[in-house]
N, C-alpha and C. Protein backbone atom coordinates (compact mmCIF):
# COMPACT_ATOMS: atom_id res chain seq x y z
N UNK A 1 -63.90 -46.72 -240.35
CA UNK A 1 -63.64 -46.37 -241.78
C UNK A 1 -63.28 -44.53 -241.53
N UNK A 2 -62.36 -44.14 -242.20
CA UNK A 2 -62.48 -42.91 -242.39
C UNK A 2 -63.18 -42.19 -243.29
N UNK A 3 -63.03 -40.98 -242.65
CA UNK A 3 -64.03 -40.47 -244.40
C UNK A 3 -63.12 -39.71 -244.70
N UNK A 4 -63.03 -39.26 -246.33
CA UNK A 4 -62.28 -38.78 -247.20
C UNK A 4 -62.56 -37.23 -246.67
N UNK A 5 -61.82 -36.65 -246.90
CA UNK A 5 -61.72 -34.74 -246.66
C UNK A 5 -62.20 -34.26 -248.01
N UNK A 6 -63.02 -33.41 -248.18
CA UNK A 6 -63.70 -32.56 -249.76
C UNK A 6 -62.88 -32.35 -250.20
N UNK A 7 -61.32 -32.53 -250.16
CA UNK A 7 -60.32 -31.28 -250.94
C UNK A 7 -60.15 -32.74 -251.62
N UNK A 8 -60.11 -34.00 -251.43
CA UNK A 8 -58.73 -35.17 -251.30
C UNK A 8 -60.20 -35.84 -252.36
N UNK A 9 -61.96 -35.70 -252.11
CA UNK A 9 -62.80 -35.32 -252.98
C UNK A 9 -62.69 -34.99 -254.46
N UNK A 10 -63.11 -33.52 -254.16
CA UNK A 10 -62.58 -33.25 -255.54
C UNK A 10 -61.46 -33.31 -256.08
N UNK A 11 -60.53 -33.42 -255.93
CA UNK A 11 -58.97 -34.10 -256.23
C UNK A 11 -59.15 -35.32 -257.35
N UNK A 12 -59.82 -35.90 -256.45
CA UNK A 12 -59.90 -37.25 -257.18
C UNK A 12 -60.80 -37.08 -258.46
N UNK A 13 -61.75 -35.94 -257.71
CA UNK A 13 -62.71 -36.43 -259.30
C UNK A 13 -62.11 -35.62 -260.52
N UNK A 14 -61.17 -33.79 -260.11
CA UNK A 14 -60.38 -33.99 -261.42
C UNK A 14 -59.67 -34.71 -261.49
N UNK A 15 -59.04 -35.74 -260.95
CA UNK A 15 -58.33 -36.38 -261.63
C UNK A 15 -58.84 -37.65 -262.83
N UNK A 16 -59.75 -38.17 -262.63
CA UNK A 16 -60.60 -38.17 -263.33
C UNK A 16 -61.15 -37.73 -264.65
N UNK A 17 -62.03 -36.71 -264.26
CA UNK A 17 -62.51 -35.99 -265.67
C UNK A 17 -61.07 -35.52 -266.25
N UNK A 18 -59.37 -35.50 -265.27
CA UNK A 18 -58.60 -35.32 -266.58
C UNK A 18 -58.14 -36.88 -267.24
N UNK A 19 -58.54 -37.64 -266.78
CA UNK A 19 -58.14 -38.88 -267.56
C UNK A 19 -59.30 -39.58 -268.03
N UNK A 20 -60.24 -39.19 -268.51
CA UNK A 20 -61.90 -39.46 -269.45
C UNK A 20 -61.10 -37.86 -270.39
N UNK A 21 -61.10 -36.65 -270.15
CA UNK A 21 -60.59 -36.15 -271.20
C UNK A 21 -59.17 -36.35 -272.22
N UNK A 22 -58.04 -37.06 -271.55
CA UNK A 22 -57.14 -37.01 -272.28
C UNK A 22 -57.68 -38.66 -273.14
N UNK A 23 -58.67 -39.60 -272.24
CA UNK A 23 -58.96 -40.72 -273.35
C UNK A 23 -60.17 -39.89 -274.75
N UNK A 24 -61.02 -39.07 -274.42
CA UNK A 24 -61.75 -39.06 -275.53
C UNK A 24 -60.95 -37.58 -276.55
N UNK A 25 -59.87 -37.18 -275.94
CA UNK A 25 -58.69 -36.60 -277.23
C UNK A 25 -58.16 -37.53 -277.53
N UNK A 26 -57.56 -38.44 -277.30
CA UNK A 26 -56.91 -39.14 -278.14
C UNK A 26 -57.32 -40.37 -279.10
N UNK A 27 -58.81 -40.31 -279.07
CA UNK A 27 -59.62 -40.64 -279.87
C UNK A 27 -59.93 -40.21 -281.46
N UNK A 28 -59.54 -40.90 -282.50
CA UNK A 28 -59.11 -39.80 -283.38
C UNK A 28 -59.71 -40.78 -284.50
N UNK A 29 -59.91 -39.27 -286.07
CA UNK A 29 -61.19 -40.42 -287.00
C UNK A 29 -60.92 -40.77 -287.54
N UNK A 30 -61.70 -41.35 -288.65
CA UNK A 30 -61.04 -42.61 -289.85
C UNK A 30 -61.01 -41.30 -291.15
N UNK A 31 -59.43 -41.74 -291.70
CA UNK A 31 -59.84 -40.93 -293.23
C UNK A 31 -59.55 -41.61 -294.21
N UNK A 32 -59.53 -42.03 -295.27
CA UNK A 32 -59.71 -43.10 -296.32
C UNK A 32 -58.98 -41.25 -297.34
N UNK A 33 -58.69 -42.10 -297.98
CA UNK A 33 -57.36 -41.16 -298.52
C UNK A 33 -57.53 -42.22 -300.38
N UNK A 34 -57.03 -41.60 -301.37
CA UNK A 34 -57.20 -42.56 -302.82
C UNK A 34 -56.33 -43.21 -301.84
N UNK A 35 -55.18 -43.37 -301.47
CA UNK A 35 -54.34 -44.63 -301.29
C UNK A 35 -54.44 -45.15 -300.37
N UNK A 36 -55.77 -45.48 -299.87
CA UNK A 36 -57.39 -46.32 -299.13
C UNK A 36 -57.94 -46.74 -300.45
N UNK A 37 -57.65 -46.79 -301.53
CA UNK A 37 -58.32 -47.18 -302.37
C UNK A 37 -57.35 -48.20 -303.30
N UNK A 38 -56.98 -47.57 -303.23
CA UNK A 38 -55.29 -48.01 -303.95
C UNK A 38 -54.89 -49.00 -303.27
N UNK A 39 -54.60 -49.05 -301.93
CA UNK A 39 -54.23 -50.62 -301.81
C UNK A 39 -54.95 -51.78 -301.20
N UNK A 40 -56.69 -50.89 -300.84
CA UNK A 40 -57.39 -51.88 -300.96
C UNK A 40 -57.89 -52.33 -302.53
N UNK A 41 -57.98 -52.01 -303.64
CA UNK A 41 -58.36 -52.00 -304.45
C UNK A 41 -59.93 -51.72 -304.29
N UNK A 42 -60.58 -50.88 -303.89
CA UNK A 42 -62.10 -50.90 -304.07
C UNK A 42 -61.91 -49.73 -304.85
N UNK A 43 -63.24 -49.61 -305.54
CA UNK A 43 -63.38 -47.90 -306.44
C UNK A 43 -63.73 -46.81 -304.86
N UNK A 44 -64.36 -45.92 -305.45
CA UNK A 44 -64.43 -44.46 -304.40
C UNK A 44 -65.39 -44.81 -304.46
N UNK A 45 -66.16 -45.08 -305.29
CA UNK A 45 -67.55 -45.78 -305.05
C UNK A 45 -68.51 -46.42 -304.13
N UNK A 46 -67.72 -47.39 -303.69
CA UNK A 46 -67.74 -47.82 -302.19
C UNK A 46 -67.94 -47.56 -301.06
N UNK A 47 -67.30 -46.06 -301.34
CA UNK A 47 -67.85 -45.62 -299.97
C UNK A 47 -68.55 -44.45 -300.12
N UNK A 48 -68.30 -43.65 -301.48
CA UNK A 48 -69.00 -42.20 -301.30
C UNK A 48 -70.12 -42.43 -302.21
N UNK A 49 -71.18 -41.43 -302.50
CA UNK A 49 -72.28 -41.39 -303.66
C UNK A 49 -71.79 -40.43 -304.88
N UNK A 50 -71.33 -39.40 -304.03
CA UNK A 50 -70.64 -37.99 -304.98
C UNK A 50 -70.34 -38.16 -303.97
N UNK A 51 -68.34 -37.57 -304.37
CA UNK A 51 -67.21 -36.89 -303.23
C UNK A 51 -67.69 -36.12 -302.97
N UNK A 52 -67.52 -34.88 -301.95
CA UNK A 52 -67.58 -35.99 -300.71
C UNK A 52 -68.87 -36.70 -300.19
N UNK A 53 -70.29 -36.99 -300.21
CA UNK A 53 -70.63 -37.33 -299.55
C UNK A 53 -70.52 -39.02 -299.62
N UNK A 54 -71.25 -39.11 -298.27
CA UNK A 54 -70.94 -41.02 -298.11
C UNK A 54 -72.24 -42.07 -298.16
N UNK A 55 -71.95 -43.02 -298.20
CA UNK A 55 -72.76 -43.96 -298.61
C UNK A 55 -72.83 -44.90 -297.57
N UNK A 56 -73.45 -45.44 -297.06
CA UNK A 56 -74.11 -46.12 -295.99
C UNK A 56 -72.75 -46.90 -295.19
N UNK A 57 -71.87 -47.73 -296.56
CA UNK A 57 -70.47 -48.54 -296.03
C UNK A 57 -70.19 -46.82 -295.49
N UNK A 58 -69.62 -45.85 -296.51
CA UNK A 58 -68.75 -45.16 -296.17
C UNK A 58 -68.52 -44.11 -294.49
N UNK A 59 -69.84 -44.32 -294.34
CA UNK A 59 -70.54 -44.03 -293.33
C UNK A 59 -70.10 -44.69 -292.15
N UNK A 60 -69.92 -45.76 -292.18
CA UNK A 60 -69.91 -46.89 -291.36
C UNK A 60 -67.90 -46.99 -291.11
N UNK A 61 -67.79 -46.74 -291.79
CA UNK A 61 -65.07 -46.47 -291.84
C UNK A 61 -65.53 -45.71 -291.70
N UNK A 62 -66.44 -44.30 -291.39
CA UNK A 62 -65.87 -43.36 -290.80
C UNK A 62 -66.53 -43.38 -289.44
N UNK A 63 -67.07 -43.84 -289.06
CA UNK A 63 -67.51 -44.20 -287.77
C UNK A 63 -66.55 -44.77 -286.99
N UNK A 64 -66.40 -45.83 -287.53
CA UNK A 64 -65.86 -46.86 -286.95
C UNK A 64 -64.47 -47.50 -287.13
N UNK A 65 -64.01 -46.79 -288.20
CA UNK A 65 -62.80 -46.97 -288.64
C UNK A 65 -62.06 -48.42 -289.72
């Protein structure tokens, strides 16, 4: 079995790091709008205690979409 050179190993690590950065950078956060409330027929108070403060349900929606 051939041993990889230091440069190839470094290149593989940089490529892997690039993929990880691209994956993390492509994740977006959930953001609701008044239109969301109209579409779901939920009042704003289902996610907010006092706007812009979120209750537990609103925090879960923000974290998970």
